[in-house]
Amino acid sequence: PWTLSFDNGQVVNIVEDQSYISVVSNG
């Protein structure tokens, strides 16, 4: 049920065994 939304517009719906996330974003 977890989602990470970055202020550059990128959205990541967290899955089991989520891989490394690297993003250019201020928050």
PDB file of all heavy atoms in Angstrom:
ATOM      1  N   PRO A   1       0.812  -1.231   0.000  1.00  0.00           N
ATOM      2  CA  PRO A   1       0.000   0.000   0.000  1.00  0.00           C
ATOM      3  C   PRO A   1       0.842   1.275   0.000  1.00  0.00           C
ATOM      4  O   PRO A   1       0.281   2.370   0.005  1.00  0.00           O
ATOM      5  CB  PRO A   1      -0.800  -0.110   1.308  1.00  0.00           C
ATOM      6  CG  PRO A   1      -0.704  -1.515   1.744  1.00  0.00           C
ATOM      7  CD  PRO A   1       0.609  -1.994   1.254  1.00  0.00           C
ATOM      8  N   TRP A   2       2.156   1.145  -0.018  1.00  0.00           N
ATOM      9  CA  TRP A   2       3.027   2.309   0.139  1.00  0.00           C
ATOM     10  C   TRP A   2       3.439   2.886  -1.214  1.00  0.00           C
ATOM     11  O   TRP A   2       3.789   2.155  -2.129  1.00  0.00           O
ATOM     12  CB  TRP A   2       4.279   1.930   0.920  1.00  0.00           C
ATOM     13  CG  TRP A   2       3.986   1.422   2.293  1.00  0.00           C
ATOM     14  CD1 TRP A   2       3.847   0.120   2.678  1.00  0.00           C
ATOM     15  CD2 TRP A   2       3.755   2.209   3.459  1.00  0.00           C
ATOM     16  NE1 TRP A   2       3.556   0.034   4.014  1.00  0.00           N
ATOM     17  CE2 TRP A   2       3.497   1.325   4.526  1.00  0.00           C
ATOM     18  CE3 TRP A   2       3.740   3.575   3.714  1.00  0.00           C
ATOM     19  CZ2 TRP A   2       3.230   1.743   5.812  1.00  0.00           C
ATOM     20  CZ3 TRP A   2       3.488   4.006   5.000  1.00  0.00           C
ATOM     21  CH2 TRP A   2       3.229   3.100   6.043  1.00  0.00           C
ATOM     22  N   THR A   3       3.394   4.242  -1.290  1.00  0.00           N
ATOM     23  CA  THR A   3       3.807   4.944  -2.501  1.00  0.00           C
ATOM     24  C   THR A   3       4.702   6.115  -2.118  1.00  0.00           C
ATOM     25  O   THR A   3       4.387   6.866  -1.192  1.00  0.00           O
ATOM     26  CB  THR A   3       2.590   5.476  -3.285  1.00  0.00           C
ATOM     27  OG1 THR A   3       1.758   4.379  -3.656  1.00  0.00           O
ATOM     28  CG2 THR A   3       3.030   6.226  -4.539  1.00  0.00           C
ATOM     29  N   LEU A   4       5.802   6.249  -2.858  1.00  0.00           N
ATOM     30  CA  LEU A   4       6.677   7.417  -2.717  1.00  0.00           C
ATOM     31  C   LEU A   4       6.543   8.277  -3.958  1.00  0.00           C
ATOM     32  O   LEU A   4       6.750   7.810  -5.076  1.00  0.00           O
ATOM     33  CB  LEU A   4       8.133   6.979  -2.530  1.00  0.00           C
ATOM     34  CG  LEU A   4       8.457   6.127  -1.302  1.00  0.00           C
ATOM     35  CD1 LEU A   4       9.950   5.804  -1.268  1.00  0.00           C
ATOM     36  CD2 LEU A   4       8.042   6.827  -0.019  1.00  0.00           C
ATOM     37  N   SER A   5       6.174   9.547  -3.749  1.00  0.00           N
ATOM     38  CA  SER A   5       6.010  10.488  -4.864  1.00  0.00           C
ATOM     39  C   SER A   5       7.041  11.596  -4.714  1.00  0.00           C
ATOM     40  O   SER A   5       7.132  12.233  -3.656  1.00  0.00           O
ATOM     41  CB  SER A   5       4.603  11.085  -4.864  1.00  0.00           C
ATOM     42  OG  SER A   5       3.629  10.065  -4.933  1.00  0.00           O
ATOM     43  N   PHE A   6       7.806  11.834  -5.762  1.00  0.00           N
ATOM     44  CA  PHE A   6       8.879  12.827  -5.725  1.00  0.00           C
ATOM     45  C   PHE A   6       8.450  14.089  -6.447  1.00  0.00           C
ATOM     46  O   PHE A   6       7.620  14.041  -7.374  1.00  0.00           O
ATOM     47  CB  PHE A   6      10.140  12.231  -6.337  1.00  0.00           C
ATOM     48  CG  PHE A   6      10.614  11.008  -5.613  1.00  0.00           C
ATOM     49  CD1 PHE A   6      10.186   9.744  -6.006  1.00  0.00           C
ATOM     50  CD2 PHE A   6      11.452  11.113  -4.525  1.00  0.00           C
ATOM     51  CE1 PHE A   6      10.608   8.608  -5.333  1.00  0.00           C
ATOM     52  CE2 PHE A   6      11.890   9.986  -3.842  1.00  0.00           C
ATOM     53  CZ  PHE A   6      11.457   8.729  -4.245  1.00  0.00           C
ATOM     54  N   ASP A   7       9.021  15.243  -6.030  1.00  0.00           N
ATOM     55  CA  ASP A   7       8.546  16.508  -6.591  1.00  0.00           C
ATOM     56  C   ASP A   7       8.981  16.740  -8.026  1.00  0.00           C
ATOM     57  O   ASP A   7       8.617  17.752  -8.626  1.00  0.00           O
ATOM     58  CB  ASP A   7       8.944  17.692  -5.694  1.00  0.00           C
ATOM     59  CG  ASP A   7      10.436  17.884  -5.584  1.00  0.00           C
ATOM     60  OD1 ASP A   7      11.189  17.189  -6.294  1.00  0.00           O
ATOM     61  OD2 ASP A   7      10.865  18.744  -4.776  1.00  0.00           O
ATOM     62  N   ASN A   8       9.743  15.816  -8.602  1.00  0.00           N
ATOM     63  CA  ASN A   8      10.046  15.901 -10.036  1.00  0.00           C
ATOM     64  C   ASN A   8       9.010  15.161 -10.874  1.00  0.00           C
ATOM     65  O   ASN A   8       9.155  15.038 -12.094  1.00  0.00           O
ATOM     66  CB  ASN A   8      11.441  15.339 -10.312  1.00  0.00           C
ATOM     67  CG  ASN A   8      11.541  13.844 -10.045  1.00  0.00           C
ATOM     68  OD1 ASN A   8      10.630  13.250  -9.465  1.00  0.00           O
ATOM     69  ND2 ASN A   8      12.641  13.230 -10.452  1.00  0.00           N
ATOM     70  N   GLY A   9       7.972  14.653 -10.205  1.00  0.00           N
ATOM     71  CA  GLY A   9       6.897  13.950 -10.908  1.00  0.00           C
ATOM     72  C   GLY A   9       7.004  12.442 -10.883  1.00  0.00           C
ATOM     73  O   GLY A   9       6.055  11.740 -11.256  1.00  0.00           O
ATOM     74  N   GLN A  10       8.127  11.912 -10.431  1.00  0.00           N
ATOM     75  CA  GLN A  10       8.307  10.467 -10.401  1.00  0.00           C
ATOM     76  C   GLN A  10       7.517   9.860  -9.247  1.00  0.00           C
ATOM     77  O   GLN A  10       7.510  10.378  -8.129  1.00  0.00           O
ATOM     78  CB  GLN A  10       9.791  10.125 -10.262  1.00  0.00           C
ATOM     79  CG  GLN A  10      10.102   8.639 -10.297  1.00  0.00           C
ATOM     80  CD  GLN A  10      11.605   8.373 -10.272  1.00  0.00           C
ATOM     81  OE1 GLN A  10      12.404   9.283 -10.519  1.00  0.00           O
ATOM     82  NE2 GLN A  10      11.997   7.144  -9.995  1.00  0.00           N
ATOM     83  N   VAL A  11       6.833   8.751  -9.519  1.00  0.00           N
ATOM     84  CA  VAL A  11       6.036   8.041  -8.522  1.00  0.00           C
ATOM     85  C   VAL A  11       6.505   6.590  -8.477  1.00  0.00           C
ATOM     86  O   VAL A  11       6.640   5.934  -9.516  1.00  0.00           O
ATOM     87  CB  VAL A  11       4.529   8.115  -8.855  1.00  0.00           C
ATOM     88  CG1 VAL A  11       3.727   7.308  -7.833  1.00  0.00           C
ATOM     89  CG2 VAL A  11       4.057   9.559  -8.886  1.00  0.00           C
ATOM     90  N   VAL A  12       6.754   6.098  -7.269  1.00  0.00           N
ATOM     91  CA  VAL A  12       7.182   4.715  -7.089  1.00  0.00           C
ATOM     92  C   VAL A  12       6.205   4.020  -6.155  1.00  0.00           C
ATOM     93  O   VAL A  12       6.065   4.403  -4.987  1.00  0.00           O
ATOM     94  CB  VAL A  12       8.605   4.631  -6.514  1.00  0.00           C
ATOM     95  CG1 VAL A  12       8.994   3.170  -6.274  1.00  0.00           C
ATOM     96  CG2 VAL A  12       9.607   5.309  -7.436  1.00  0.00           C
ATOM     97  N   ASN A  13       5.501   3.011  -6.686  1.00  0.00           N
ATOM     98  CA  ASN A  13       4.658   2.161  -5.861  1.00  0.00           C
ATOM     99  C   ASN A  13       5.541   1.057  -5.285  1.00  0.00           C
ATOM    100  O   ASN A  13       6.080   0.229  -6.026  1.00  0.00           O
ATOM    101  CB  ASN A  13       3.515   1.562  -6.689  1.00  0.00           C
ATOM    102  CG  ASN A  13       2.570   2.629  -7.211  1.00  0.00           C
ATOM    103  OD1 ASN A  13       2.126   3.496  -6.467  1.00  0.00           O
ATOM    104  ND2 ASN A  13       2.271   2.580  -8.504  1.00  0.00           N
ATOM    105  N   ILE A  14       5.691   1.050  -3.982  1.00  0.00           N
ATOM    106  CA  ILE A  14       6.623   0.135  -3.344  1.00  0.00           C
ATOM    107  C   ILE A  14       6.135  -1.307  -3.474  1.00  0.00           C
ATOM    108  O   ILE A  14       4.966  -1.613  -3.188  1.00  0.00           O
ATOM    109  CB  ILE A  14       6.813   0.492  -1.863  1.00  0.00           C
ATOM    110  CG1 ILE A  14       7.308   1.942  -1.728  1.00  0.00           C
ATOM    111  CG2 ILE A  14       7.801  -0.453  -1.196  1.00  0.00           C
ATOM    112  CD1 ILE A  14       8.623   2.204  -2.396  1.00  0.00           C
ATOM    113  N   VAL A  15       7.019  -2.177  -3.910  1.00  0.00           N
ATOM    114  CA  VAL A  15       6.718  -3.602  -4.011  1.00  0.00           C
ATOM    115  C   VAL A  15       7.617  -4.360  -3.053  1.00  0.00           C
ATOM    116  O   VAL A  15       8.587  -3.821  -2.522  1.00  0.00           O
ATOM    117  CB  VAL A  15       6.929  -4.105  -5.459  1.00  0.00           C
ATOM    118  CG1 VAL A  15       6.023  -3.372  -6.424  1.00  0.00           C
ATOM    119  CG2 VAL A  15       8.395  -3.943  -5.872  1.00  0.00           C
ATOM    120  N   GLU A  16       7.264  -5.615  -2.809  1.00  0.00           N
ATOM    121  CA  GLU A  16       8.138  -6.449  -1.996  1.00  0.00           C
ATOM    122  C   GLU A  16       9.505  -6.571  -2.659  1.00  0.00           C
ATOM    123  O   GLU A  16       9.608  -6.672  -3.886  1.00  0.00           O
ATOM    124  CB  GLU A  16       7.514  -7.829  -1.788  1.00  0.00           C
ATOM    125  CG  GLU A  16       6.417  -7.846  -0.750  1.00  0.00           C
ATOM    126  CD  GLU A  16       6.019  -9.262  -0.387  1.00  0.00           C
ATOM    127  OE1 GLU A  16       6.444 -10.199  -1.084  1.00  0.00           O
ATOM    128  OE2 GLU A  16       5.275  -9.431   0.602  1.00  0.00           O
ATOM    129  N   ASP A  17      10.534  -6.549  -1.812  1.00  0.00           N
ATOM    130  CA  ASP A  17      11.908  -6.615  -2.316  1.00  0.00           C
ATOM    131  C   ASP A  17      12.188  -5.476  -3.304  1.00  0.00           C
ATOM    132  O   ASP A  17      12.782  -5.671  -4.358  1.00  0.00           O
ATOM    133  CB  ASP A  17      12.181  -7.971  -2.974  1.00  0.00           C
ATOM    134  CG  ASP A  17      11.992  -9.131  -2.016  1.00  0.00           C
ATOM    135  OD1 ASP A  17      12.337  -8.976  -0.827  1.00  0.00           O
ATOM    136  OD2 ASP A  17      11.481 -10.174  -2.450  1.00  0.00           O
ATOM    137  N   GLN A  18      11.729  -4.270  -2.920  1.00  0.00           N
ATOM    138  CA  GLN A  18      11.892  -3.092  -3.758  1.00  0.00           C
ATOM    139  C   GLN A  18      13.380  -2.832  -4.026  1.00  0.00           C
ATOM    140  O   GLN A  18      14.211  -2.859  -3.113  1.00  0.00           O
ATOM    141  CB  GLN A  18      11.287  -1.861  -3.068  1.00  0.00           C
ATOM    142  CG  GLN A  18      11.492  -0.547  -3.792  1.00  0.00           C
ATOM    143  CD  GLN A  18      10.706  -0.459  -5.075  1.00  0.00           C
ATOM    144  OE1 GLN A  18       9.517  -0.735  -5.107  1.00  0.00           O
ATOM    145  NE2 GLN A  18      11.364  -0.080  -6.155  1.00  0.00           N
ATOM    146  N   SER A  19      13.702  -2.563  -5.278  1.00  0.00           N
ATOM    147  CA  SER A  19      15.082  -2.277  -5.643  1.00  0.00           C
ATOM    148  C   SER A  19      15.452  -0.853  -5.251  1.00  0.00           C
ATOM    149  O   SER A  19      14.597  -0.036  -4.905  1.00  0.00           O
ATOM    150  CB  SER A  19      15.290  -2.483  -7.146  1.00  0.00           C
ATOM    151  OG  SER A  19      14.442  -1.615  -7.885  1.00  0.00           O
ATOM    152  N   TYR A  20      16.726  -0.564  -5.316  1.00  0.00           N
ATOM    153  CA  TYR A  20      17.283   0.746  -4.952  1.00  0.00           C
ATOM    154  C   TYR A  20      16.653   1.852  -5.799  1.00  0.00           C
ATOM    155  O   TYR A  20      16.491   1.715  -7.001  1.00  0.00           O
ATOM    156  CB  TYR A  20      18.791   0.703  -5.147  1.00  0.00           C
ATOM    157  CG  TYR A  20      19.517   1.997  -4.890  1.00  0.00           C
ATOM    158  CD1 TYR A  20      19.727   2.453  -3.589  1.00  0.00           C
ATOM    159  CD2 TYR A  20      20.014   2.761  -5.938  1.00  0.00           C
ATOM    160  CE1 TYR A  20      20.417   3.617  -3.343  1.00  0.00           C
ATOM    161  CE2 TYR A  20      20.709   3.940  -5.705  1.00  0.00           C
ATOM    162  CZ  TYR A  20      20.903   4.364  -4.403  1.00  0.00           C
ATOM    163  OH  TYR A  20      21.589   5.533  -4.174  1.00  0.00           O
ATOM    164  N   ILE A  21      16.295   2.957  -5.138  1.00  0.00           N
ATOM    165  CA  ILE A  21      15.666   4.085  -5.826  1.00  0.00           C
ATOM    166  C   ILE A  21      16.638   5.256  -5.794  1.00  0.00           C
ATOM    167  O   ILE A  21      17.090   5.673  -4.725  1.00  0.00           O
ATOM    168  CB  ILE A  21      14.335   4.489  -5.153  1.00  0.00           C
ATOM    169  CG1 ILE A  21      13.358   3.320  -5.144  1.00  0.00           C
ATOM    170  CG2 ILE A  21      13.725   5.698  -5.860  1.00  0.00           C
ATOM    171  CD1 ILE A  21      12.118   3.578  -4.293  1.00  0.00           C
ATOM    172  N   SER A  22      16.961   5.807  -6.936  1.00  0.00           N
ATOM    173  CA  SER A  22      17.805   6.998  -7.029  1.00  0.00           C
ATOM    174  C   SER A  22      17.071   8.032  -7.860  1.00  0.00           C
ATOM    175  O   SER A  22      16.640   7.750  -8.979  1.00  0.00           O
ATOM    176  CB  SER A  22      19.148   6.665  -7.670  1.00  0.00           C
ATOM    177  OG  SER A  22      19.955   7.826  -7.767  1.00  0.00           O
ATOM    178  N   VAL A  23      16.918   9.238  -7.310  1.00  0.00           N
ATOM    179  CA  VAL A  23      16.103  10.239  -7.978  1.00  0.00           C
ATOM    180  C   VAL A  23      16.668  11.627  -7.696  1.00  0.00           C
ATOM    181  O   VAL A  23      17.189  11.900  -6.620  1.00  0.00           O
ATOM    182  CB  VAL A  23      14.632  10.136  -7.497  1.00  0.00           C
ATOM    183  CG1 VAL A  23      14.533  10.374  -6.005  1.00  0.00           C
ATOM    184  CG2 VAL A  23      13.742  11.113  -8.253  1.00  0.00           C
ATOM    185  N   VAL A  24      16.590  12.502  -8.694  1.00  0.00           N
ATOM    186  CA  VAL A  24      16.945  13.915  -8.532  1.00  0.00           C
ATOM    187  C   VAL A  24      15.676  14.650  -8.125  1.00  0.00           C
ATOM    188  O   VAL A  24      14.765  14.822  -8.934  1.00  0.00           O
ATOM    189  CB  VAL A  24      17.534  14.501  -9.820  1.00  0.00           C
ATOM    190  CG1 VAL A  24      17.812  15.993  -9.638  1.00  0.00           C
ATOM    191  CG2 VAL A  24      18.803  13.771 -10.207  1.00  0.00           C
ATOM    192  N   SER A  25      15.613  15.050  -6.888  1.00  0.00           N
ATOM    193  CA  SER A  25      14.386  15.638  -6.358  1.00  0.00           C
ATOM    194  C   SER A  25      14.722  16.404  -5.088  1.00  0.00           C
ATOM    195  O   SER A  25      15.684  16.082  -4.385  1.00  0.00           O
ATOM    196  CB  SER A  25      13.360  14.537  -6.060  1.00  0.00           C
ATOM    197  OG  SER A  25      12.227  15.067  -5.409  1.00  0.00           O
ATOM    198  N   ASN A  26      13.919  17.431  -4.783  1.00  0.00           N
ATOM    199  CA  ASN A  26      14.135  18.216  -3.574  1.00  0.00           C
ATOM    200  C   ASN A  26      13.360  17.690  -2.378  1.00  0.00           C
ATOM    201  O   ASN A  26      13.504  18.206  -1.272  1.00  0.00           O
ATOM    202  CB  ASN A  26      13.759  19.673  -3.810  1.00  0.00           C
ATOM    203  CG  ASN A  26      14.748  20.379  -4.703  1.00  0.00           C
ATOM    204  OD1 ASN A  26      15.904  19.977  -4.809  1.00  0.00           O
ATOM    205  ND2 ASN A  26      14.299  21.432  -5.364  1.00  0.00           N
ATOM    206  N   GLY A  27      12.518  16.685  -2.592  1.00  0.00           N
ATOM    207  CA  GLY A  27      11.736  16.123  -1.509  1.00  0.00           C
ATOM    208  C   GLY A  27      10.820  15.035  -2.024  1.00  0.00           C
ATOM    209  O   GLY A  27      10.809  14.714  -3.221  1.00  0.00           O
TER     210      GLY A  27
END
